[in-house]
PDB file of N, CA and C in Angstrom:
ATOM      1  N   UNK A   1    -130.960 -57.717 -92.027  1.00  0.00           N
ATOM      2  CA  UNK A   1    -132.295 -57.362 -92.480  1.00  0.00           C
ATOM      3  C   UNK A   1    -133.360 -58.095 -91.673  1.00  0.00           C
ATOM      4  N   UNK A   2    -133.130 -59.370 -91.431  1.00  0.00           N
ATOM      5  CA  UNK A   2    -134.082 -60.176 -90.668  1.00  0.00           C
ATOM      6  C   UNK A   2    -134.251 -59.621 -89.252  1.00  0.00           C
ATOM      7  N   UNK A   3    -133.147 -59.169 -88.642  1.00  0.00           N
ATOM      8  CA  UNK A   3    -133.215 -58.613 -87.288  1.00  0.00           C
ATOM      9  C   UNK A   3    -134.057 -57.344 -87.247  1.00  0.00           C
ATOM     10  N   UNK A   4    -133.974 -56.529 -88.290  1.00  0.00           N
ATOM     11  CA  UNK A   4    -134.758 -55.301 -88.353  1.00  0.00           C
ATOM     12  C   UNK A   4    -136.242 -55.631 -88.438  1.00  0.00           C
ATOM     13  N   UNK A   5    -136.583 -56.630 -89.241  1.00  0.00           N
ATOM     14  CA  UNK A   5    -137.980 -57.044 -89.356  1.00  0.00           C
ATOM     15  C   UNK A   5    -138.517 -57.550 -88.017  1.00  0.00           C
ATOM     16  N   UNK A   6    -137.726 -58.335 -87.320  1.00  0.00           N
ATOM     17  CA  UNK A   6    -138.146 -58.860 -86.015  1.00  0.00           C
ATOM     18  C   UNK A   6    -138.316 -57.716 -85.021  1.00  0.00           C
ATOM     19  N   UNK A   7    -137.380 -56.775 -85.028  1.00  0.00           N
ATOM     20  CA  UNK A   7    -137.459 -55.628 -84.130  1.00  0.00           C
ATOM     21  C   UNK A   7    -138.707 -54.791 -84.410  1.00  0.00           C
ATOM     22  N   UNK A   8    -138.997 -54.548 -85.677  1.00  0.00           N
ATOM     23  CA  UNK A   8    -140.201 -53.790 -86.043  1.00  0.00           C
ATOM     24  C   UNK A   8    -141.460 -54.521 -85.594  1.00  0.00           C
ATOM     25  N   UNK A   9    -141.499 -55.814 -85.800  1.00  0.00           N
ATOM     26  CA  UNK A   9    -142.656 -56.608 -85.392  1.00  0.00           C
ATOM     27  C   UNK A   9    -142.868 -56.530 -83.890  1.00  0.00           C
ATOM     28  N   UNK A  10    -141.797 -56.727 -83.112  1.00  0.00           N
ATOM     29  CA  UNK A  10    -141.913 -56.684 -81.657  1.00  0.00           C
ATOM     30  C   UNK A  10    -142.306 -55.301 -81.157  1.00  0.00           C
ATOM     31  N   UNK A  11    -141.776 -54.269 -81.779  1.00  0.00           N
ATOM     32  CA  UNK A  11    -142.105 -52.908 -81.375  1.00  0.00           C
ATOM     33  C   UNK A  11    -143.578 -52.617 -81.605  1.00  0.00           C
ATOM     34  N   UNK A  12    -144.087 -52.994 -82.762  1.00  0.00           N
ATOM     35  CA  UNK A  12    -145.492 -52.744 -83.072  1.00  0.00           C
ATOM     36  C   UNK A  12    -146.428 -53.625 -82.254  1.00  0.00           C
ATOM     37  N   UNK A  13    -145.984 -54.825 -81.933  1.00  0.00           N
ATOM     38  CA  UNK A  13    -146.810 -55.752 -81.173  1.00  0.00           C
ATOM     39  C   UNK A  13    -146.991 -55.302 -79.733  1.00  0.00           C
ATOM     40  N   UNK A  14    -145.921 -54.805 -79.124  1.00  0.00           N
ATOM     41  CA  UNK A  14    -145.974 -54.477 -77.705  1.00  0.00           C
ATOM     42  C   UNK A  14    -146.146 -52.990 -77.422  1.00  0.00           C
ATOM     43  N   UNK A  15    -146.290 -52.182 -78.443  1.00  0.00           N
ATOM     44  CA  UNK A  15    -146.513 -50.761 -78.257  1.00  0.00           C
ATOM     45  C   UNK A  15    -147.975 -50.560 -77.860  1.00  0.00           C
ATOM     46  N   UNK A  16    -148.222 -49.869 -76.737  1.00  0.00           N
ATOM     47  CA  UNK A  16    -149.617 -49.716 -76.328  1.00  0.00           C
ATOM     48  C   UNK A  16    -150.383 -48.805 -77.273  1.00  0.00           C
ATOM     49  N   UNK A  17    -151.473 -49.308 -77.792  1.00  0.00           N
ATOM     50  CA  UNK A  17    -152.350 -48.497 -78.630  1.00  0.00           C
ATOM     51  C   UNK A  17    -153.520 -48.054 -77.779  1.00  0.00           C
ATOM     52  N   UNK A  18    -154.004 -46.887 -78.025  1.00  0.00           N
ATOM     53  CA  UNK A  18    -155.051 -46.344 -77.192  1.00  0.00           C
ATOM     54  C   UNK A  18    -156.297 -46.094 -78.028  1.00  0.00           C
ATOM     55  N   UNK A  19    -157.360 -46.685 -77.587  1.00  0.00           N
ATOM     56  CA  UNK A  19    -158.587 -46.677 -78.375  1.00  0.00           C
ATOM     57  C   UNK A  19    -159.512 -45.553 -77.974  1.00  0.00           C
ATOM     58  N   UNK A  20    -160.102 -44.930 -78.937  1.00  0.00           N
ATOM     59  CA  UNK A  20    -161.119 -43.940 -78.669  1.00  0.00           C
ATOM     60  C   UNK A  20    -162.207 -43.939 -79.740  1.00  0.00           C
ATOM     61  N   UNK A  21    -162.106 -44.770 -80.748  1.00  0.00           N
ATOM     62  CA  UNK A  21    -163.192 -44.929 -81.707  1.00  0.00           C
ATOM     63  C   UNK A  21    -164.032 -46.094 -81.199  1.00  0.00           C
ATOM     64  N   UNK A  22    -165.263 -45.783 -80.805  1.00  0.00           N
ATOM     65  CA  UNK A  22    -166.087 -46.791 -80.155  1.00  0.00           C
ATOM     66  C   UNK A  22    -167.329 -47.109 -80.984  1.00  0.00           C
ATOM     67  N   UNK A  23    -167.775 -48.328 -80.824  1.00  0.00           N
ATOM     68  CA  UNK A  23    -168.978 -48.813 -81.503  1.00  0.00           C
ATOM     69  C   UNK A  23    -169.911 -49.368 -80.434  1.00  0.00           C
ATOM     70  N   UNK A  24    -171.155 -48.942 -80.430  1.00  0.00           N
ATOM     71  CA  UNK A  24    -172.146 -49.421 -79.477  1.00  0.00           C
ATOM     72  C   UNK A  24    -172.786 -50.682 -80.039  1.00  0.00           C
ATOM     73  N   UNK A  25    -172.512 -51.819 -79.395  1.00  0.00           N
ATOM     74  CA  UNK A  25    -173.005 -53.104 -79.895  1.00  0.00           C
ATOM     75  C   UNK A  25    -174.456 -53.372 -79.533  1.00  0.00           C
ATOM     76  N   UNK A  26    -174.973 -52.761 -78.483  1.00  0.00           N
ATOM     77  CA  UNK A  26    -176.307 -53.042 -77.963  1.00  0.00           C
ATOM     78  C   UNK A  26    -176.432 -54.492 -77.499  1.00  0.00           C
ATOM     79  N   UNK A  27    -175.278 -55.165 -77.332  1.00  0.00           N
ATOM     80  CA  UNK A  27    -175.276 -56.571 -76.940  1.00  0.00           C
ATOM     81  C   UNK A  27    -174.122 -56.786 -75.964  1.00  0.00           C
ATOM     82  N   UNK A  28    -174.439 -57.013 -74.698  1.00  0.00           N
ATOM     83  CA  UNK A  28    -173.401 -57.129 -73.672  1.00  0.00           C
ATOM     84  C   UNK A  28    -172.374 -58.205 -73.975  1.00  0.00           C
ATOM     85  N   UNK A  29    -172.804 -59.313 -74.526  1.00  0.00           N
ATOM     86  CA  UNK A  29    -171.875 -60.423 -74.761  1.00  0.00           C
ATOM     87  C   UNK A  29    -170.854 -60.109 -75.853  1.00  0.00           C
ATOM     88  N   UNK A  30    -171.136 -59.146 -76.708  1.00  0.00           N
ATOM     89  CA  UNK A  30    -170.200 -58.774 -77.778  1.00  0.00           C
ATOM     90  C   UNK A  30    -169.314 -57.590 -77.396  1.00  0.00           C
ATOM     91  N   UNK A  31    -169.593 -56.978 -76.265  1.00  0.00           N
ATOM     92  CA  UNK A  31    -168.890 -55.758 -75.867  1.00  0.00           C
ATOM     93  C   UNK A  31    -167.521 -56.064 -75.254  1.00  0.00           C
ATOM     94  N   UNK A  32    -166.569 -55.185 -75.558  1.00  0.00           N
ATOM     95  CA  UNK A  32    -165.274 -55.217 -74.873  1.00  0.00           C
ATOM     96  C   UNK A  32    -165.405 -54.566 -73.500  1.00  0.00           C
ATOM     97  N   UNK A  33    -166.230 -53.534 -73.432  1.00  0.00           N
ATOM     98  CA  UNK A  33    -166.407 -52.763 -72.205  1.00  0.00           C
ATOM     99  C   UNK A  33    -167.888 -52.453 -72.021  1.00  0.00           C
ATOM    100  N   UNK A  34    -168.399 -52.731 -70.818  1.00  0.00           N
ATOM    101  CA  UNK A  34    -169.771 -52.359 -70.474  1.00  0.00           C
ATOM    102  C   UNK A  34    -169.732 -51.007 -69.770  1.00  0.00           C
ATOM    103  N   UNK A  35    -170.563 -50.073 -70.255  1.00  0.00           N
ATOM    104  CA  UNK A  35    -170.508 -48.683 -69.819  1.00  0.00           C
ATOM    105  C   UNK A  35    -171.833 -48.277 -69.168  1.00  0.00           C
ATOM    106  N   UNK A  36    -171.704 -47.573 -68.053  1.00  0.00           N
ATOM    107  CA  UNK A  36    -172.862 -47.001 -67.384  1.00  0.00           C
ATOM    108  C   UNK A  36    -172.693 -45.488 -67.371  1.00  0.00           C
ATOM    109  N   UNK A  37    -173.735 -44.764 -67.721  1.00  0.00           N
ATOM    110  CA  UNK A  37    -173.691 -43.303 -67.760  1.00  0.00           C
ATOM    111  C   UNK A  37    -174.181 -42.769 -66.416  1.00  0.00           C
ATOM    112  N   UNK A  38    -173.340 -41.958 -65.771  1.00  0.00           N
ATOM    113  CA  UNK A  38    -173.692 -41.355 -64.487  1.00  0.00           C
ATOM    114  C   UNK A  38    -174.176 -39.935 -64.687  1.00  0.00           C
ATOM    115  N   UNK A  39    -174.856 -39.395 -63.683  1.00  0.00           N
ATOM    116  CA  UNK A  39    -175.455 -38.066 -63.815  1.00  0.00           C
ATOM    117  C   UNK A  39    -174.566 -36.926 -63.309  1.00  0.00           C
ATOM    118  N   UNK A  40    -173.458 -37.241 -62.663  1.00  0.00           N
ATOM    119  CA  UNK A  40    -172.531 -36.226 -62.152  1.00  0.00           C
ATOM    120  C   UNK A  40    -171.099 -36.623 -62.518  1.00  0.00           C
ATOM    121  N   UNK A  41    -170.292 -35.635 -62.923  1.00  0.00           N
ATOM    122  CA  UNK A  41    -168.934 -35.957 -63.364  1.00  0.00           C
ATOM    123  C   UNK A  41    -168.064 -36.551 -62.263  1.00  0.00           C
ATOM    124  N   UNK A  42    -168.296 -36.187 -61.000  1.00  0.00           N
ATOM    125  CA  UNK A  42    -167.467 -36.715 -59.918  1.00  0.00           C
ATOM    126  C   UNK A  42    -167.741 -38.200 -59.632  1.00  0.00           C
ATOM    127  N   UNK A  43    -168.834 -38.727 -60.168  1.00  0.00           N
ATOM    128  CA  UNK A  43    -169.142 -40.151 -60.022  1.00  0.00           C
ATOM    129  C   UNK A  43    -168.531 -41.000 -61.140  1.00  0.00           C
ATOM    130  N   UNK A  44    -167.960 -40.366 -62.131  1.00  0.00           N
ATOM    131  CA  UNK A  44    -167.475 -41.061 -63.328  1.00  0.00           C
ATOM    132  C   UNK A  44    -166.024 -41.521 -63.180  1.00  0.00           C
ATOM    133  N   UNK A  45    -165.730 -42.620 -63.853  1.00  0.00           N
ATOM    134  CA  UNK A  45    -164.343 -43.040 -64.032  1.00  0.00           C
ATOM    135  C   UNK A  45    -163.707 -42.215 -65.152  1.00  0.00           C
ATOM    136  N   UNK A  46    -164.543 -41.851 -66.123  1.00  0.00           N
ATOM    137  CA  UNK A  46    -164.082 -41.127 -67.301  1.00  0.00           C
ATOM    138  C   UNK A  46    -165.127 -40.098 -67.714  1.00  0.00           C
ATOM    139  N   UNK A  47    -164.681 -38.870 -67.931  1.00  0.00           N
ATOM    140  CA  UNK A  47    -165.548 -37.836 -68.494  1.00  0.00           C
ATOM    141  C   UNK A  47    -165.284 -37.828 -69.989  1.00  0.00           C
ATOM    142  N   UNK A  48    -166.348 -37.991 -70.773  1.00  0.00           N
ATOM    143  CA  UNK A  48    -166.237 -38.185 -72.216  1.00  0.00           C
ATOM    144  C   UNK A  48    -166.809 -36.992 -72.979  1.00  0.00           C
ATOM    145  N   UNK A  49    -166.052 -36.583 -73.979  1.00  0.00           N
ATOM    146  CA  UNK A  49    -166.520 -35.611 -74.960  1.00  0.00           C
ATOM    147  C   UNK A  49    -166.599 -36.337 -76.288  1.00  0.00           C
ATOM    148  N   UNK A  50    -167.740 -36.267 -76.977  1.00  0.00           N
ATOM    149  CA  UNK A  50    -167.850 -36.921 -78.280  1.00  0.00           C
ATOM    150  C   UNK A  50    -167.582 -35.902 -79.379  1.00  0.00           C
ATOM    151  N   UNK A  51    -166.858 -36.353 -80.386  1.00  0.00           N
ATOM    152  CA  UNK A  51    -166.495 -35.504 -81.509  1.00  0.00           C
ATOM    153  C   UNK A  51    -167.057 -36.078 -82.801  1.00  0.00           C
ATOM    154  N   UNK A  52    -167.229 -35.219 -83.792  1.00  0.00           N
ATOM    155  CA  UNK A  52    -167.698 -35.661 -85.106  1.00  0.00           C
ATOM    156  C   UNK A  52    -166.554 -36.017 -86.039  1.00  0.00           C
ATOM    157  N   UNK A  53    -165.330 -35.835 -85.585  1.00  0.00           N
ATOM    158  CA  UNK A  53    -164.154 -36.069 -86.415  1.00  0.00           C
ATOM    159  C   UNK A  53    -163.305 -37.177 -85.816  1.00  0.00           C
ATOM    160  N   UNK A  54    -163.147 -38.286 -86.525  1.00  0.00           N
ATOM    161  CA  UNK A  54    -162.404 -39.404 -85.962  1.00  0.00           C
ATOM    162  C   UNK A  54    -160.934 -39.086 -85.721  1.00  0.00           C
ATOM    163  N   UNK A  55    -160.362 -38.143 -86.459  1.00  0.00           N
ATOM    164  CA  UNK A  55    -158.947 -37.807 -86.262  1.00  0.00           C
ATOM    165  C   UNK A  55    -158.694 -37.123 -84.921  1.00  0.00           C
ATOM    166  N   UNK A  56    -159.722 -36.536 -84.333  1.00  0.00           N
ATOM    167  CA  UNK A  56    -159.569 -35.900 -83.014  1.00  0.00           C
ATOM    168  C   UNK A  56    -159.708 -36.912 -81.885  1.00  0.00           C
ATOM    169  N   UNK A  57    -160.163 -38.087 -82.194  1.00  0.00           N
ATOM    170  CA  UNK A  57    -160.410 -39.113 -81.181  1.00  0.00           C
ATOM    171  C   UNK A  57    -159.222 -40.052 -81.061  1.00  0.00           C
ATOM    172  N   UNK A  58    -158.080 -39.489 -80.766  1.00  0.00           N
ATOM    173  CA  UNK A  58    -156.904 -40.323 -80.552  1.00  0.00           C
ATOM    174  C   UNK A  58    -156.338 -40.036 -79.174  1.00  0.00           C
ATOM    175  N   UNK A  59    -155.521 -40.911 -78.726  1.00  0.00           N
ATOM    176  CA  UNK A  59    -155.003 -40.885 -77.366  1.00  0.00           C
ATOM    177  C   UNK A  59    -156.136 -41.227 -76.413  1.00  0.00           C
ATOM    178  N   UNK A  60    -155.788 -41.792 -75.342  1.00  0.00           N
ATOM    179  CA  UNK A  60    -156.768 -42.276 -74.379  1.00  0.00           C
ATOM    180  C   UNK A  60    -157.077 -41.162 -73.381  1.00  0.00           C
ATOM    181  N   UNK A  61    -157.767 -40.119 -73.860  1.00  0.00           N
ATOM    182  CA  UNK A  61    -158.002 -38.950 -73.018  1.00  0.00           C
ATOM    183  C   UNK A  61    -159.470 -38.572 -72.916  1.00  0.00           C
ATOM    184  N   UNK A  62    -160.357 -39.462 -73.305  1.00  0.00           N
ATOM    185  CA  UNK A  62    -161.784 -39.230 -73.110  1.00  0.00           C
ATOM    186  C   UNK A  62    -162.486 -38.532 -74.251  1.00  0.00           C
ATOM    187  N   UNK A  63    -161.856 -38.442 -75.397  1.00  0.00           N
ATOM    188  CA  UNK A  63    -162.522 -37.878 -76.574  1.00  0.00           C
ATOM    189  C   UNK A  63    -162.876 -39.051 -77.479  1.00  0.00           C
ATOM    190  N   UNK A  64    -164.161 -39.286 -77.614  1.00  0.00           N
ATOM    191  CA  UNK A  64    -164.655 -40.441 -78.354  1.00  0.00           C
ATOM    192  C   UNK A  64    -165.270 -40.019 -79.672  1.00  0.00           C
ATOM    193  N   UNK A  65    -165.041 -40.873 -80.668  1.00  0.00           N
ATOM    194  CA  UNK A  65    -165.742 -40.798 -81.940  1.00  0.00           C
ATOM    195  C   UNK A  65    -166.631 -42.032 -81.994  1.00  0.00           C
ATOM    196  N   UNK A  66    -167.924 -41.838 -82.148  1.00  0.00           N
ATOM    197  CA  UNK A  66    -168.852 -42.972 -82.214  1.00  0.00           C
ATOM    198  C   UNK A  66    -168.849 -43.502 -83.638  1.00  0.00           C
ATOM    199  N   UNK A  67    -168.325 -44.684 -83.784  1.00  0.00           N
ATOM    200  CA  UNK A  67    -168.174 -45.343 -85.079  1.00  0.00           C
ATOM    201  C   UNK A  67    -169.472 -46.072 -85.410  1.00  0.00           C
ATOM    202  N   UNK A  68    -169.909 -45.996 -86.636  1.00  0.00           N
ATOM    203  CA  UNK A  68    -171.146 -46.665 -87.053  1.00  0.00           C
ATOM    204  C   UNK A  68    -170.870 -48.005 -87.723  1.00  0.00           C
ATOM    205  N   UNK A  69    -169.592 -48.304 -87.927  1.00  0.00           N
ATOM    206  CA  UNK A  69    -169.182 -49.572 -88.515  1.00  0.00           C
ATOM    207  C   UNK A  69    -168.325 -50.322 -87.507  1.00  0.00           C
ATOM    208  N   UNK A  70    -168.781 -51.472 -87.089  1.00  0.00           N
ATOM    209  CA  UNK A  70    -168.109 -52.234 -86.037  1.00  0.00           C
ATOM    210  C   UNK A  70    -166.644 -52.507 -86.351  1.00  0.00           C
ATOM    211  N   UNK A  71    -166.339 -52.857 -87.580  1.00  0.00           N
ATOM    212  CA  UNK A  71    -164.964 -53.225 -87.935  1.00  0.00           C
ATOM    213  C   UNK A  71    -163.984 -52.056 -87.871  1.00  0.00           C
ATOM    214  N   UNK A  72    -164.470 -50.837 -87.916  1.00  0.00           N
ATOM    215  CA  UNK A  72    -163.596 -49.667 -87.841  1.00  0.00           C
ATOM    216  C   UNK A  72    -163.314 -49.218 -86.412  1.00  0.00           C
ATOM    217  N   UNK A  73    -164.085 -49.719 -85.470  1.00  0.00           N
ATOM    218  CA  UNK A  73    -163.957 -49.286 -84.076  1.00  0.00           C
ATOM    219  C   UNK A  73    -162.760 -49.929 -83.400  1.00  0.00           C
ATOM    220  N   UNK A  74    -162.206 -49.184 -82.455  1.00  0.00           N
ATOM    221  CA  UNK A  74    -161.131 -49.724 -81.623  1.00  0.00           C
ATOM    222  C   UNK A  74    -161.695 -50.544 -80.471  1.00  0.00           C
ATOM    223  N   UNK A  75    -162.832 -50.112 -79.964  1.00  0.00           N
ATOM    224  CA  UNK A  75    -163.492 -50.803 -78.859  1.00  0.00           C
ATOM    225  C   UNK A  75    -164.981 -50.906 -79.116  1.00  0.00           C
ATOM    226  N   UNK A  76    -165.544 -52.059 -78.737  1.00  0.00           N
ATOM    227  CA  UNK A  76    -166.981 -52.242 -78.784  1.00  0.00           C
ATOM    228  C   UNK A  76    -167.504 -52.043 -77.361  1.00  0.00           C
ATOM    229  N   UNK A  77    -168.461 -51.130 -77.224  1.00  0.00           N
ATOM    230  CA  UNK A  77    -169.026 -50.868 -75.913  1.00  0.00           C
ATOM    231  C   UNK A  77    -170.506 -51.212 -75.917  1.00  0.00           C
ATOM    232  N   UNK A  78    -171.021 -51.425 -74.721  1.00  0.00           N
ATOM    233  CA  UNK A  78    -172.448 -51.638 -74.550  1.00  0.00           C
ATOM    234  C   UNK A  78    -172.868 -50.833 -73.337  1.00  0.00           C
ATOM    235  N   UNK A  79    -173.873 -50.009 -73.514  1.00  0.00           N
ATOM    236  CA  UNK A  79    -174.397 -49.228 -72.408  1.00  0.00           C
ATOM    237  C   UNK A  79    -175.331 -50.116 -71.598  1.00  0.00           C
ATOM    238  N   UNK A  80    -175.097 -50.174 -70.298  1.00  0.00           N
ATOM    239  CA  UNK A  80    -175.920 -50.986 -69.404  1.00  0.00           C
ATOM    240  C   UNK A  80    -176.724 -50.060 -68.487  1.00  0.00           C
ATOM    241  N   UNK A  81    -177.782 -50.587 -67.913  1.00  0.00           N
ATOM    242  CA  UNK A  81    -178.668 -49.738 -67.108  1.00  0.00           C
ATOM    243  C   UNK A  81    -178.452 -49.854 -65.602  1.00  0.00           C
ATOM    244  N   UNK A  82    -177.368 -50.486 -65.190  1.00  0.00           N
ATOM    245  CA  UNK A  82    -177.046 -50.588 -63.768  1.00  0.00           C
ATOM    246  C   UNK A  82    -175.537 -50.442 -63.569  1.00  0.00           C
ATOM    247  N   UNK A  83    -175.147 -49.607 -62.634  1.00  0.00           N
ATOM    248  CA  UNK A  83    -173.721 -49.374 -62.364  1.00  0.00           C
ATOM    249  C   UNK A  83    -173.015 -50.660 -61.951  1.00  0.00           C
ATOM    250  N   UNK A  84    -173.740 -51.541 -61.275  1.00  0.00           N
ATOM    251  CA  UNK A  84    -173.134 -52.795 -60.807  1.00  0.00           C
ATOM    252  C   UNK A  84    -172.760 -53.735 -61.950  1.00  0.00           C
ATOM    253  N   UNK A  85    -173.355 -53.555 -63.108  1.00  0.00           N
ATOM    254  CA  UNK A  85    -173.049 -54.396 -64.273  1.00  0.00           C
ATOM    255  C   UNK A  85    -171.980 -53.785 -65.170  1.00  0.00           C
ATOM    256  N   UNK A  86    -171.551 -52.569 -64.863  1.00  0.00           N
ATOM    257  CA  UNK A  86    -170.635 -51.838 -65.742  1.00  0.00           C
ATOM    258  C   UNK A  86    -169.172 -52.079 -65.384  1.00  0.00           C
ATOM    259  N   UNK A  87    -168.341 -52.038 -66.420  1.00  0.00           N
ATOM    260  CA  UNK A  87    -166.896 -52.031 -66.228  1.00  0.00           C
ATOM    261  C   UNK A  87    -166.398 -50.606 -66.032  1.00  0.00           C
ATOM    262  N   UNK A  88    -167.117 -49.664 -66.656  1.00  0.00           N
ATOM    263  CA  UNK A  88    -166.677 -48.273 -66.709  1.00  0.00           C
ATOM    264  C   UNK A  88    -167.871 -47.348 -66.538  1.00  0.00           C
ATOM    265  N   UNK A  89    -167.727 -46.344 -65.671  1.00  0.00           N
ATOM    266  CA  UNK A  89    -168.764 -45.333 -65.488  1.00  0.00           C
ATOM    267  C   UNK A  89    -168.307 -44.056 -66.186  1.00  0.00           C
ATOM    268  N   UNK A  90    -169.160 -43.521 -67.050  1.00  0.00           N
ATOM    269  CA  UNK A  90    -168.799 -42.323 -67.805  1.00  0.00           C
ATOM    270  C   UNK A  90    -169.823 -41.217 -67.589  1.00  0.00           C
ATOM    271  N   UNK A  91    -169.337 -40.010 -67.779  1.00  0.00           N
ATOM    272  CA  UNK A  91    -170.187 -38.823 -67.772  1.00  0.00           C
ATOM    273  C   UNK A  91    -169.897 -38.095 -69.077  1.00  0.00           C
ATOM    274  N   UNK A  92    -170.935 -37.738 -69.821  1.00  0.00           N
ATOM    275  CA  UNK A  92    -170.753 -37.032 -71.084  1.00  0.00           C
ATOM    276  C   UNK A  92    -170.795 -35.527 -70.844  1.00  0.00           C
ATOM    277  N   UNK A  93    -169.794 -34.838 -71.392  1.00  0.00           N
ATOM    278  CA  UNK A  93    -169.695 -33.395 -71.259  1.00  0.00           C
ATOM    279  C   UNK A  93    -169.796 -32.736 -72.632  1.00  0.00           C
ATOM    280  N   UNK A  94    -170.207 -31.477 -72.651  1.00  0.00           N
ATOM    281  CA  UNK A  94    -170.254 -30.701 -73.888  1.00  0.00           C
ATOM    282  C   UNK A  94    -168.988 -29.878 -74.091  1.00  0.00           C
ATOM    283  N   UNK A  95    -168.054 -29.973 -73.148  1.00  0.00           N
ATOM    284  CA  UNK A  95    -166.835 -29.179 -73.189  1.00  0.00           C
ATOM    285  C   UNK A  95    -165.621 -30.092 -73.316  1.00  0.00           C
ATOM    286  N   UNK A  96    -164.914 -29.982 -74.416  1.00  0.00           N
ATOM    287  CA  UNK A  96    -163.785 -30.868 -74.684  1.00  0.00           C
ATOM    288  C   UNK A  96    -162.722 -30.803 -73.588  1.00  0.00           C
ATOM    289  N   UNK A  97    -162.470 -29.630 -73.058  1.00  0.00           N
ATOM    290  CA  UNK A  97    -161.405 -29.481 -72.059  1.00  0.00           C
ATOM    291  C   UNK A  97    -161.730 -30.190 -70.737  1.00  0.00           C
ATOM    292  N   UNK A  98    -162.971 -30.541 -70.516  1.00  0.00           N
ATOM    293  CA  UNK A  98    -163.356 -31.259 -69.287  1.00  0.00           C
ATOM    294  C   UNK A  98    -163.173 -32.766 -69.414  1.00  0.00           C
ATOM    295  N   UNK A  99    -162.955 -33.256 -70.618  1.00  0.00           N
ATOM    296  CA  UNK A  99    -162.798 -34.691 -70.836  1.00  0.00           C
ATOM    297  C   UNK A  99    -161.519 -35.187 -70.175  1.00  0.00           C
ATOM    298  N   UNK A 100    -161.588 -36.405 -69.666  1.00  0.00           N
ATOM    299  CA  UNK A 100    -160.394 -37.018 -69.092  1.00  0.00           C
ATOM    300  C   UNK A 100    -160.736 -38.047 -68.034  1.00  0.00           C
ATOM    301  N   UNK A 101    -159.693 -38.724 -67.602  1.00  0.00           N
ATOM    302  CA  UNK A 101    -159.842 -39.804 -66.635  1.00  0.00           C
ATOM    303  C   UNK A 101    -159.944 -39.258 -65.226  1.00  0.00           C
ATOM    304  N   UNK A 102    -160.933 -39.727 -64.483  1.00  0.00           N
ATOM    305  CA  UNK A 102    -161.076 -39.419 -63.067  1.00  0.00           C
ATOM    306  C   UNK A 102    -160.570 -40.588 -62.229  1.00  0.00           C
ATOM    307  N   UNK A 103    -160.596 -41.767 -62.814  1.00  0.00           N
ATOM    308  CA  UNK A 103    -160.100 -42.974 -62.154  1.00  0.00           C
ATOM    309  C   UNK A 103    -159.069 -43.632 -63.075  1.00  0.00           C
ATOM    310  N   UNK A 104    -157.788 -43.253 -62.924  1.00  0.00           N
ATOM    311  CA  UNK A 104    -156.757 -43.772 -63.831  1.00  0.00           C
ATOM    312  C   UNK A 104    -156.592 -45.290 -63.799  1.00  0.00           C
ATOM    313  N   UNK A 105    -157.056 -45.932 -62.740  1.00  0.00           N
ATOM    314  CA  UNK A 105    -156.965 -47.393 -62.658  1.00  0.00           C
ATOM    315  C   UNK A 105    -157.794 -48.076 -63.745  1.00  0.00           C
ATOM    316  N   UNK A 106    -158.793 -47.405 -64.268  1.00  0.00           N
ATOM    317  CA  UNK A 106    -159.663 -47.969 -65.301  1.00  0.00           C
ATOM    318  C   UNK A 106    -159.173 -47.660 -66.715  1.00  0.00           C
ATOM    319  N   UNK A 107    -158.120 -46.886 -66.844  1.00  0.00           N
ATOM    320  CA  UNK A 107    -157.639 -46.433 -68.154  1.00  0.00           C
ATOM    321  C   UNK A 107    -157.328 -47.597 -69.103  1.00  0.00           C
ATOM    322  N   UNK A 108    -156.844 -48.670 -68.558  1.00  0.00           N
ATOM    323  CA  UNK A 108    -156.483 -49.833 -69.385  1.00  0.00           C
ATOM    324  C   UNK A 108    -157.673 -50.421 -70.133  1.00  0.00           C
ATOM    325  N   UNK A 109    -158.885 -50.195 -69.633  1.00  0.00           N
ATOM    326  CA  UNK A 109    -160.077 -50.720 -70.308  1.00  0.00           C
ATOM    327  C   UNK A 109    -160.225 -50.172 -71.719  1.00  0.00           C
ATOM    328  N   UNK A 110    -159.776 -48.962 -71.959  1.00  0.00           N
ATOM    329  CA  UNK A 110    -159.956 -48.338 -73.271  1.00  0.00           C
ATOM    330  C   UNK A 110    -158.709 -48.412 -74.138  1.00  0.00           C
ATOM    331  N   UNK A 111    -157.699 -49.136 -73.697  1.00  0.00           N
ATOM    332  CA  UNK A 111    -156.528 -49.349 -74.543  1.00  0.00           C
ATOM    333  C   UNK A 111    -156.782 -50.546 -75.430  1.00  0.00           C
ATOM    334  N   UNK A 112    -156.197 -50.518 -76.593  1.00  0.00           N
ATOM    335  CA  UNK A 112    -156.368 -51.622 -77.551  1.00  0.00           C
ATOM    336  C   UNK A 112    -155.737 -52.879 -77.048  1.00  0.00           C
TER     337      UNK A 112
END
């Protein structure tokens, strides 16, 4: 029984969780990720579609639910006004099928 508990703990601890419920802190020092919004999708690391339903904002595929309660968010972000200060460049789209990573090297930033 003890071995099963240890195995479950290790599995849950090291299983990669992927965050897509985000909270805008408006404070760079509190942010997990600093985000800059670009004007063209080809300049983005991630093309983001925002949804009104948190259940659709799972998997690390660029569908974000903007959380209004910090404790419920998977990631705290802060929008910055210069690309040089950003960890991640995003482009917001109105089409869900266009959402996704353009720079897979940055994908780890949005994982839990």
